[in-house]
Amino acid sequence: VVATHGGTIVQAMLRFLAIDPQSDAKRAWFSPENSSLTEFRRAVNPYQRTTLDWELVRFNDVAHLTGSRSGLVA
């Protein structure tokens, strides 16, 4: 478990998706909510069992905040 600021999550997503943040040709907007969950998992690739790949399990998951005082609704 790593607790971090949204900027770190944004940079991880850009790297994960191989998006050059300096390129005008590709644009992406990531804005994770406060207290949201982003989960990466490193697992064996079923097609090449000798390699390990990262997979994105969830991004900006706020389901755990439903009904909280923050007023967020999932």
PDB file of N, CA and C in Angstrom:
ATOM      1  N   VAL A   1       0.848  -1.166   0.000  1.00  0.00           N
ATOM      2  CA  VAL A   1       0.000   0.000   0.000  1.00  0.00           C
ATOM      3  C   VAL A   1       0.894   1.230   0.000  1.00  0.00           C
ATOM      4  N   VAL A   2       0.562   2.163  -0.878  1.00  0.00           N
ATOM      5  CA  VAL A   2       1.258   3.438  -0.940  1.00  0.00           C
ATOM      6  C   VAL A   2       0.208   4.536  -0.892  1.00  0.00           C
ATOM      7  N   ALA A   3       0.360   5.456   0.024  1.00  0.00           N
ATOM      8  CA  ALA A   3      -0.528   6.621   0.083  1.00  0.00           C
ATOM      9  C   ALA A   3       0.245   7.791  -0.514  1.00  0.00           C
ATOM     10  N   THR A   4      -0.387   8.488  -1.457  1.00  0.00           N
ATOM     11  CA  THR A   4       0.327   9.541  -2.166  1.00  0.00           C
ATOM     12  C   THR A   4      -0.621  10.623  -2.648  1.00  0.00           C
ATOM     13  N   HIS A   5      -0.059  11.677  -3.170  1.00  0.00           N
ATOM     14  CA  HIS A   5      -0.837  12.766  -3.753  1.00  0.00           C
ATOM     15  C   HIS A   5      -1.258  12.415  -5.178  1.00  0.00           C
ATOM     16  N   GLY A   6      -2.261  13.117  -5.682  1.00  0.00           N
ATOM     17  CA  GLY A   6      -2.789  12.861  -7.022  1.00  0.00           C
ATOM     18  C   GLY A   6      -1.766  13.025  -8.134  1.00  0.00           C
ATOM     19  N   GLY A   7      -0.819  13.946  -7.972  1.00  0.00           N
ATOM     20  CA  GLY A   7       0.196  14.161  -8.998  1.00  0.00           C
ATOM     21  C   GLY A   7       1.035  12.926  -9.260  1.00  0.00           C
ATOM     22  N   THR A   8       1.314  12.164  -8.217  1.00  0.00           N
ATOM     23  CA  THR A   8       2.067  10.919  -8.371  1.00  0.00           C
ATOM     24  C   THR A   8       1.249   9.904  -9.150  1.00  0.00           C
ATOM     25  N   ILE A   9      -0.044   9.844  -8.881  1.00  0.00           N
ATOM     26  CA  ILE A   9      -0.934   8.939  -9.612  1.00  0.00           C
ATOM     27  C   ILE A   9      -0.991   9.337 -11.084  1.00  0.00           C
ATOM     28  N   VAL A  10      -1.101  10.626 -11.365  1.00  0.00           N
ATOM     29  CA  VAL A  10      -1.146  11.107 -12.751  1.00  0.00           C
ATOM     30  C   VAL A  10       0.135  10.702 -13.479  1.00  0.00           C
ATOM     31  N   GLN A  11       1.286  10.907 -12.864  1.00  0.00           N
ATOM     32  CA  GLN A  11       2.553  10.543 -13.503  1.00  0.00           C
ATOM     33  C   GLN A  11       2.653   9.034 -13.719  1.00  0.00           C
ATOM     34  N   ALA A  12       2.164   8.252 -12.764  1.00  0.00           N
ATOM     35  CA  ALA A  12       2.167   6.794 -12.924  1.00  0.00           C
ATOM     36  C   ALA A  12       1.284   6.372 -14.093  1.00  0.00           C
ATOM     37  N   MET A  13       0.128   7.021 -14.239  1.00  0.00           N
ATOM     38  CA  MET A  13      -0.772   6.701 -15.354  1.00  0.00           C
ATOM     39  C   MET A  13      -0.137   7.069 -16.692  1.00  0.00           C
ATOM     40  N   LEU A  14       0.506   8.223 -16.771  1.00  0.00           N
ATOM     41  CA  LEU A  14       1.175   8.617 -18.018  1.00  0.00           C
ATOM     42  C   LEU A  14       2.254   7.606 -18.382  1.00  0.00           C
ATOM     43  N   ARG A  15       3.021   7.185 -17.399  1.00  0.00           N
ATOM     44  CA  ARG A  15       4.074   6.188 -17.658  1.00  0.00           C
ATOM     45  C   ARG A  15       3.460   4.842 -18.036  1.00  0.00           C
ATOM     46  N   PHE A  16       2.428   4.426 -17.313  1.00  0.00           N
ATOM     47  CA  PHE A  16       1.762   3.140 -17.562  1.00  0.00           C
ATOM     48  C   PHE A  16       1.211   3.087 -18.989  1.00  0.00           C
ATOM     49  N   LEU A  17       0.650   4.193 -19.453  1.00  0.00           N
ATOM     50  CA  LEU A  17       0.068   4.250 -20.797  1.00  0.00           C
ATOM     51  C   LEU A  17       1.062   4.727 -21.860  1.00  0.00           C
ATOM     52  N   ALA A  18       2.307   4.940 -21.461  1.00  0.00           N
ATOM     53  CA  ALA A  18       3.377   5.367 -22.376  1.00  0.00           C
ATOM     54  C   ALA A  18       3.006   6.657 -23.108  1.00  0.00           C
ATOM     55  N   ILE A  19       2.474   7.615 -22.362  1.00  0.00           N
ATOM     56  CA  ILE A  19       2.109   8.918 -22.920  1.00  0.00           C
ATOM     57  C   ILE A  19       3.205   9.913 -22.553  1.00  0.00           C
ATOM     58  N   ASP A  20       3.744  10.575 -23.550  1.00  0.00           N
ATOM     59  CA  ASP A  20       4.762  11.589 -23.323  1.00  0.00           C
ATOM     60  C   ASP A  20       4.068  12.869 -22.871  1.00  0.00           C
ATOM     61  N   PRO A  21       4.290  13.314 -21.634  1.00  0.00           N
ATOM     62  CA  PRO A  21       3.588  14.506 -21.150  1.00  0.00           C
ATOM     63  C   PRO A  21       3.998  15.788 -21.882  1.00  0.00           C
ATOM     64  N   GLN A  22       5.103  15.766 -22.615  1.00  0.00           N
ATOM     65  CA  GLN A  22       5.571  16.939 -23.352  1.00  0.00           C
ATOM     66  C   GLN A  22       5.047  16.974 -24.785  1.00  0.00           C
ATOM     67  N   SER A  23       4.424  15.902 -25.233  1.00  0.00           N
ATOM     68  CA  SER A  23       3.967  15.802 -26.618  1.00  0.00           C
ATOM     69  C   SER A  23       2.616  16.500 -26.805  1.00  0.00           C
ATOM     70  N   ASP A  24       2.507  17.287 -27.871  1.00  0.00           N
ATOM     71  CA  ASP A  24       1.229  17.909 -28.212  1.00  0.00           C
ATOM     72  C   ASP A  24       0.342  16.960 -29.003  1.00  0.00           C
ATOM     73  N   ALA A  25       0.939  15.909 -29.546  1.00  0.00           N
ATOM     74  CA  ALA A  25       0.194  14.974 -30.388  1.00  0.00           C
ATOM     75  C   ALA A  25      -0.767  14.117 -29.573  1.00  0.00           C
ATOM     76  N   LYS A  26      -0.404  13.820 -28.347  1.00  0.00           N
ATOM     77  CA  LYS A  26      -1.237  12.977 -27.493  1.00  0.00           C
ATOM     78  C   LYS A  26      -1.662  13.784 -26.274  1.00  0.00           C
ATOM     79  N   ARG A  27      -2.923  13.695 -25.937  1.00  0.00           N
ATOM     80  CA  ARG A  27      -3.412  14.398 -24.751  1.00  0.00           C
ATOM     81  C   ARG A  27      -4.176  13.423 -23.866  1.00  0.00           C
ATOM     82  N   ALA A  28      -4.003  13.591 -22.601  1.00  0.00           N
ATOM     83  CA  ALA A  28      -4.737  12.784 -21.635  1.00  0.00           C
ATOM     84  C   ALA A  28      -5.003  13.646 -20.415  1.00  0.00           C
ATOM     85  N   TRP A  29      -6.106  13.452 -19.771  1.00  0.00           N
ATOM     86  CA  TRP A  29      -6.438  14.205 -18.573  1.00  0.00           C
ATOM     87  C   TRP A  29      -6.805  13.215 -17.482  1.00  0.00           C
ATOM     88  N   PHE A  30      -6.025  13.223 -16.436  1.00  0.00           N
ATOM     89  CA  PHE A  30      -6.290  12.371 -15.288  1.00  0.00           C
ATOM     90  C   PHE A  30      -6.459  13.279 -14.082  1.00  0.00           C
ATOM     91  N   SER A  31      -7.546  13.128 -13.375  1.00  0.00           N
ATOM     92  CA  SER A  31      -7.801  13.965 -12.210  1.00  0.00           C
ATOM     93  C   SER A  31      -8.380  13.100 -11.093  1.00  0.00           C
ATOM     94  N   PRO A  32      -7.517  12.357 -10.398  1.00  0.00           N
ATOM     95  CA  PRO A  32      -8.032  11.488  -9.340  1.00  0.00           C
ATOM     96  C   PRO A  32      -8.644  12.290  -8.194  1.00  0.00           C
ATOM     97  N   GLU A  33      -9.762  11.813  -7.693  1.00  0.00           N
ATOM     98  CA  GLU A  33     -10.459  12.450  -6.570  1.00  0.00           C
ATOM     99  C   GLU A  33      -9.659  12.241  -5.284  1.00  0.00           C
ATOM    100  N   ASN A  34      -9.852  13.147  -4.327  1.00  0.00           N
ATOM    101  CA  ASN A  34      -9.257  12.949  -3.007  1.00  0.00           C
ATOM    102  C   ASN A  34      -9.780  11.655  -2.403  1.00  0.00           C
ATOM    103  N   SER A  35      -8.917  10.886  -1.809  1.00  0.00           N
ATOM    104  CA  SER A  35      -9.225   9.608  -1.141  1.00  0.00           C
ATOM    105  C   SER A  35      -9.633   8.504  -2.108  1.00  0.00           C
ATOM    106  N   SER A  36      -9.430   8.702  -3.410  1.00  0.00           N
ATOM    107  CA  SER A  36      -9.764   7.633  -4.357  1.00  0.00           C
ATOM    108  C   SER A  36      -8.681   6.553  -4.336  1.00  0.00           C
ATOM    109  N   LEU A  37      -9.020   5.393  -4.853  1.00  0.00           N
ATOM    110  CA  LEU A  37      -8.092   4.263  -4.904  1.00  0.00           C
ATOM    111  C   LEU A  37      -7.668   4.005  -6.336  1.00  0.00           C
ATOM    112  N   THR A  38      -6.378   3.852  -6.533  1.00  0.00           N
ATOM    113  CA  THR A  38      -5.821   3.422  -7.814  1.00  0.00           C
ATOM    114  C   THR A  38      -4.970   2.207  -7.497  1.00  0.00           C
ATOM    115  N   GLU A  39      -5.186   1.125  -8.221  1.00  0.00           N
ATOM    116  CA  GLU A  39      -4.497  -0.124  -7.910  1.00  0.00           C
ATOM    117  C   GLU A  39      -3.819  -0.682  -9.148  1.00  0.00           C
ATOM    118  N   PHE A  40      -2.532  -0.918  -9.012  1.00  0.00           N
ATOM    119  CA  PHE A  40      -1.756  -1.627 -10.017  1.00  0.00           C
ATOM    120  C   PHE A  40      -1.398  -2.982  -9.439  1.00  0.00           C
ATOM    121  N   ARG A  41      -1.330  -3.989 -10.286  1.00  0.00           N
ATOM    122  CA  ARG A  41      -0.967  -5.326  -9.831  1.00  0.00           C
ATOM    123  C   ARG A  41       0.073  -5.877 -10.784  1.00  0.00           C
ATOM    124  N   ARG A  42       1.073  -6.513 -10.251  1.00  0.00           N
ATOM    125  CA  ARG A  42       2.073  -7.169 -11.089  1.00  0.00           C
ATOM    126  C   ARG A  42       1.764  -8.655 -11.077  1.00  0.00           C
ATOM    127  N   ALA A  43       1.501  -9.198 -12.254  1.00  0.00           N
ATOM    128  CA  ALA A  43       1.064 -10.591 -12.348  1.00  0.00           C
ATOM    129  C   ALA A  43       1.757 -11.290 -13.507  1.00  0.00           C
ATOM    130  N   VAL A  44       1.724 -12.584 -13.488  1.00  0.00           N
ATOM    131  CA  VAL A  44       2.296 -13.376 -14.574  1.00  0.00           C
ATOM    132  C   VAL A  44       1.436 -13.220 -15.812  1.00  0.00           C
ATOM    133  N   ASN A  45       2.065 -12.930 -16.924  1.00  0.00           N
ATOM    134  CA  ASN A  45       1.373 -12.846 -18.210  1.00  0.00           C
ATOM    135  C   ASN A  45       0.976 -14.259 -18.634  1.00  0.00           C
ATOM    136  N   PRO A  46      -0.315 -14.547 -18.835  1.00  0.00           N
ATOM    137  CA  PRO A  46      -0.736 -15.915 -19.173  1.00  0.00           C
ATOM    138  C   PRO A  46      -0.237 -16.382 -20.543  1.00  0.00           C
ATOM    139  N   TYR A  47       0.166 -15.458 -21.391  1.00  0.00           N
ATOM    140  CA  TYR A  47       0.632 -15.825 -22.726  1.00  0.00           C
ATOM    141  C   TYR A  47       2.141 -15.992 -22.791  1.00  0.00           C
ATOM    142  N   GLN A  48       2.854 -15.416 -21.856  1.00  0.00           N
ATOM    143  CA  GLN A  48       4.303 -15.543 -21.778  1.00  0.00           C
ATOM    144  C   GLN A  48       4.667 -15.735 -20.316  1.00  0.00           C
ATOM    145  N   ARG A  49       4.596 -16.938 -19.850  1.00  0.00           N
ATOM    146  CA  ARG A  49       4.722 -17.213 -18.420  1.00  0.00           C
ATOM    147  C   ARG A  49       6.077 -16.820 -17.824  1.00  0.00           C
ATOM    148  N   THR A  50       7.046 -16.506 -18.652  1.00  0.00           N
ATOM    149  CA  THR A  50       8.356 -16.130 -18.129  1.00  0.00           C
ATOM    150  C   THR A  50       8.450 -14.646 -17.796  1.00  0.00           C
ATOM    151  N   THR A  51       7.443 -13.865 -18.171  1.00  0.00           N
ATOM    152  CA  THR A  51       7.517 -12.424 -17.934  1.00  0.00           C
ATOM    153  C   THR A  51       6.476 -11.989 -16.909  1.00  0.00           C
ATOM    154  N   LEU A  52       6.761 -10.898 -16.263  1.00  0.00           N
ATOM    155  CA  LEU A  52       5.810 -10.284 -15.350  1.00  0.00           C
ATOM    156  C   LEU A  52       5.383  -8.955 -15.934  1.00  0.00           C
ATOM    157  N   ASP A  53       4.100  -8.688 -15.948  1.00  0.00           N
ATOM    158  CA  ASP A  53       3.567  -7.444 -16.471  1.00  0.00           C
ATOM    159  C   ASP A  53       2.752  -6.743 -15.401  1.00  0.00           C
ATOM    160  N   TRP A  54       2.703  -5.414 -15.498  1.00  0.00           N
ATOM    161  CA  TRP A  54       1.852  -4.618 -14.632  1.00  0.00           C
ATOM    162  C   TRP A  54       0.482  -4.489 -15.264  1.00  0.00           C
ATOM    163  N   GLU A  55      -0.539  -4.539 -14.450  1.00  0.00           N
ATOM    164  CA  GLU A  55      -1.885  -4.291 -14.958  1.00  0.00           C
ATOM    165  C   GLU A  55      -2.583  -3.296 -14.048  1.00  0.00           C
ATOM    166  N   LEU A  56      -3.423  -2.482 -14.662  1.00  0.00           N
ATOM    167  CA  LEU A  56      -4.211  -1.509 -13.918  1.00  0.00           C
ATOM    168  C   LEU A  56      -5.505  -2.187 -13.505  1.00  0.00           C
ATOM    169  N   VAL A  57      -5.731  -2.291 -12.221  1.00  0.00           N
ATOM    170  CA  VAL A  57      -6.924  -2.954 -11.692  1.00  0.00           C
ATOM    171  C   VAL A  57      -8.066  -1.957 -11.545  1.00  0.00           C
ATOM    172  N   ARG A  58      -7.753  -0.779 -11.007  1.00  0.00           N
ATOM    173  CA  ARG A  58      -8.765   0.267 -10.871  1.00  0.00           C
ATOM    174  C   ARG A  58      -8.079   1.629 -10.794  1.00  0.00           C
ATOM    175  N   PHE A  59      -8.804   2.630 -11.268  1.00  0.00           N
ATOM    176  CA  PHE A  59      -8.318   4.012 -11.255  1.00  0.00           C
ATOM    177  C   PHE A  59      -9.426   4.919 -10.752  1.00  0.00           C
ATOM    178  N   ASN A  60      -9.103   5.775  -9.806  1.00  0.00           N
ATOM    179  CA  ASN A  60     -10.045   6.770  -9.295  1.00  0.00           C
ATOM    180  C   ASN A  60     -11.318   6.137  -8.720  1.00  0.00           C
ATOM    181  N   ASP A  61     -11.165   5.024  -8.046  1.00  0.00           N
ATOM    182  CA  ASP A  61     -12.299   4.317  -7.447  1.00  0.00           C
ATOM    183  C   ASP A  61     -12.720   5.041  -6.167  1.00  0.00           C
ATOM    184  N   VAL A  62     -13.932   5.553  -6.143  1.00  0.00           N
ATOM    185  CA  VAL A  62     -14.448   6.269  -4.965  1.00  0.00           C
ATOM    186  C   VAL A  62     -15.662   5.567  -4.357  1.00  0.00           C
ATOM    187  N   ALA A  63     -15.874   4.308  -4.698  1.00  0.00           N
ATOM    188  CA  ALA A  63     -17.047   3.575  -4.201  1.00  0.00           C
ATOM    189  C   ALA A  63     -17.076   3.515  -2.678  1.00  0.00           C
ATOM    190  N   HIS A  64     -15.916   3.485  -2.044  1.00  0.00           N
ATOM    191  CA  HIS A  64     -15.861   3.407  -0.582  1.00  0.00           C
ATOM    192  C   HIS A  64     -16.306   4.707   0.091  1.00  0.00           C
ATOM    193  N   LEU A  65     -16.462   5.783  -0.694  1.00  0.00           N
ATOM    194  CA  LEU A  65     -16.885   7.063  -0.137  1.00  0.00           C
ATOM    195  C   LEU A  65     -18.392   7.281  -0.218  1.00  0.00           C
ATOM    196  N   THR A  66     -19.125   6.367  -0.814  1.00  0.00           N
ATOM    197  CA  THR A  66     -20.562   6.509  -0.966  1.00  0.00           C
ATOM    198  C   THR A  66     -21.220   6.630   0.397  1.00  0.00           C
ATOM    199  N   GLY A  67     -22.031   7.651   0.554  1.00  0.00           N
ATOM    200  CA  GLY A  67     -22.739   7.865   1.816  1.00  0.00           C
ATOM    201  C   GLY A  67     -21.931   8.598   2.858  1.00  0.00           C
ATOM    202  N   SER A  68     -20.729   9.020   2.506  1.00  0.00           N
ATOM    203  CA  SER A  68     -19.907   9.745   3.477  1.00  0.00           C
ATOM    204  C   SER A  68     -20.364  11.208   3.551  1.00  0.00           C
ATOM    205  N   ARG A  69     -19.856  11.933   4.482  1.00  0.00           N
ATOM    206  CA  ARG A  69     -20.219  13.335   4.660  1.00  0.00           C
ATOM    207  C   ARG A  69     -19.701  14.213   3.539  1.00  0.00           C
ATOM    208  N   SER A  70     -18.793  13.705   2.723  1.00  0.00           N
ATOM    209  CA  SER A  70     -18.222  14.533   1.673  1.00  0.00           C
ATOM    210  C   SER A  70     -19.223  14.851   0.568  1.00  0.00           C
ATOM    211  N   GLY A  71     -20.329  14.129   0.533  1.00  0.00           N
ATOM    212  CA  GLY A  71     -21.346  14.392  -0.470  1.00  0.00           C
ATOM    213  C   GLY A  71     -21.101  13.704  -1.803  1.00  0.00           C
ATOM    214  N   LEU A  72     -20.038  12.896  -1.875  1.00  0.00           N
ATOM    215  CA  LEU A  72     -19.772  12.175  -3.116  1.00  0.00           C
ATOM    216  C   LEU A  72     -20.778  11.051  -3.302  1.00  0.00           C
ATOM    217  N   VAL A  73     -21.209  10.875  -4.500  1.00  0.00           N
ATOM    218  CA  VAL A  73     -22.115   9.778  -4.834  1.00  0.00           C
ATOM    219  C   VAL A  73     -21.477   8.990  -5.957  1.00  0.00           C
ATOM    220  N   ALA A  74     -21.340   7.689  -5.768  1.00  0.00           N
ATOM    221  CA  ALA A  74     -20.699   6.851  -6.794  1.00  0.00           C
ATOM    222  C   ALA A  74     -21.670   6.528  -7.904  1.00  0.00           C
TER     223      ALA A  74
END
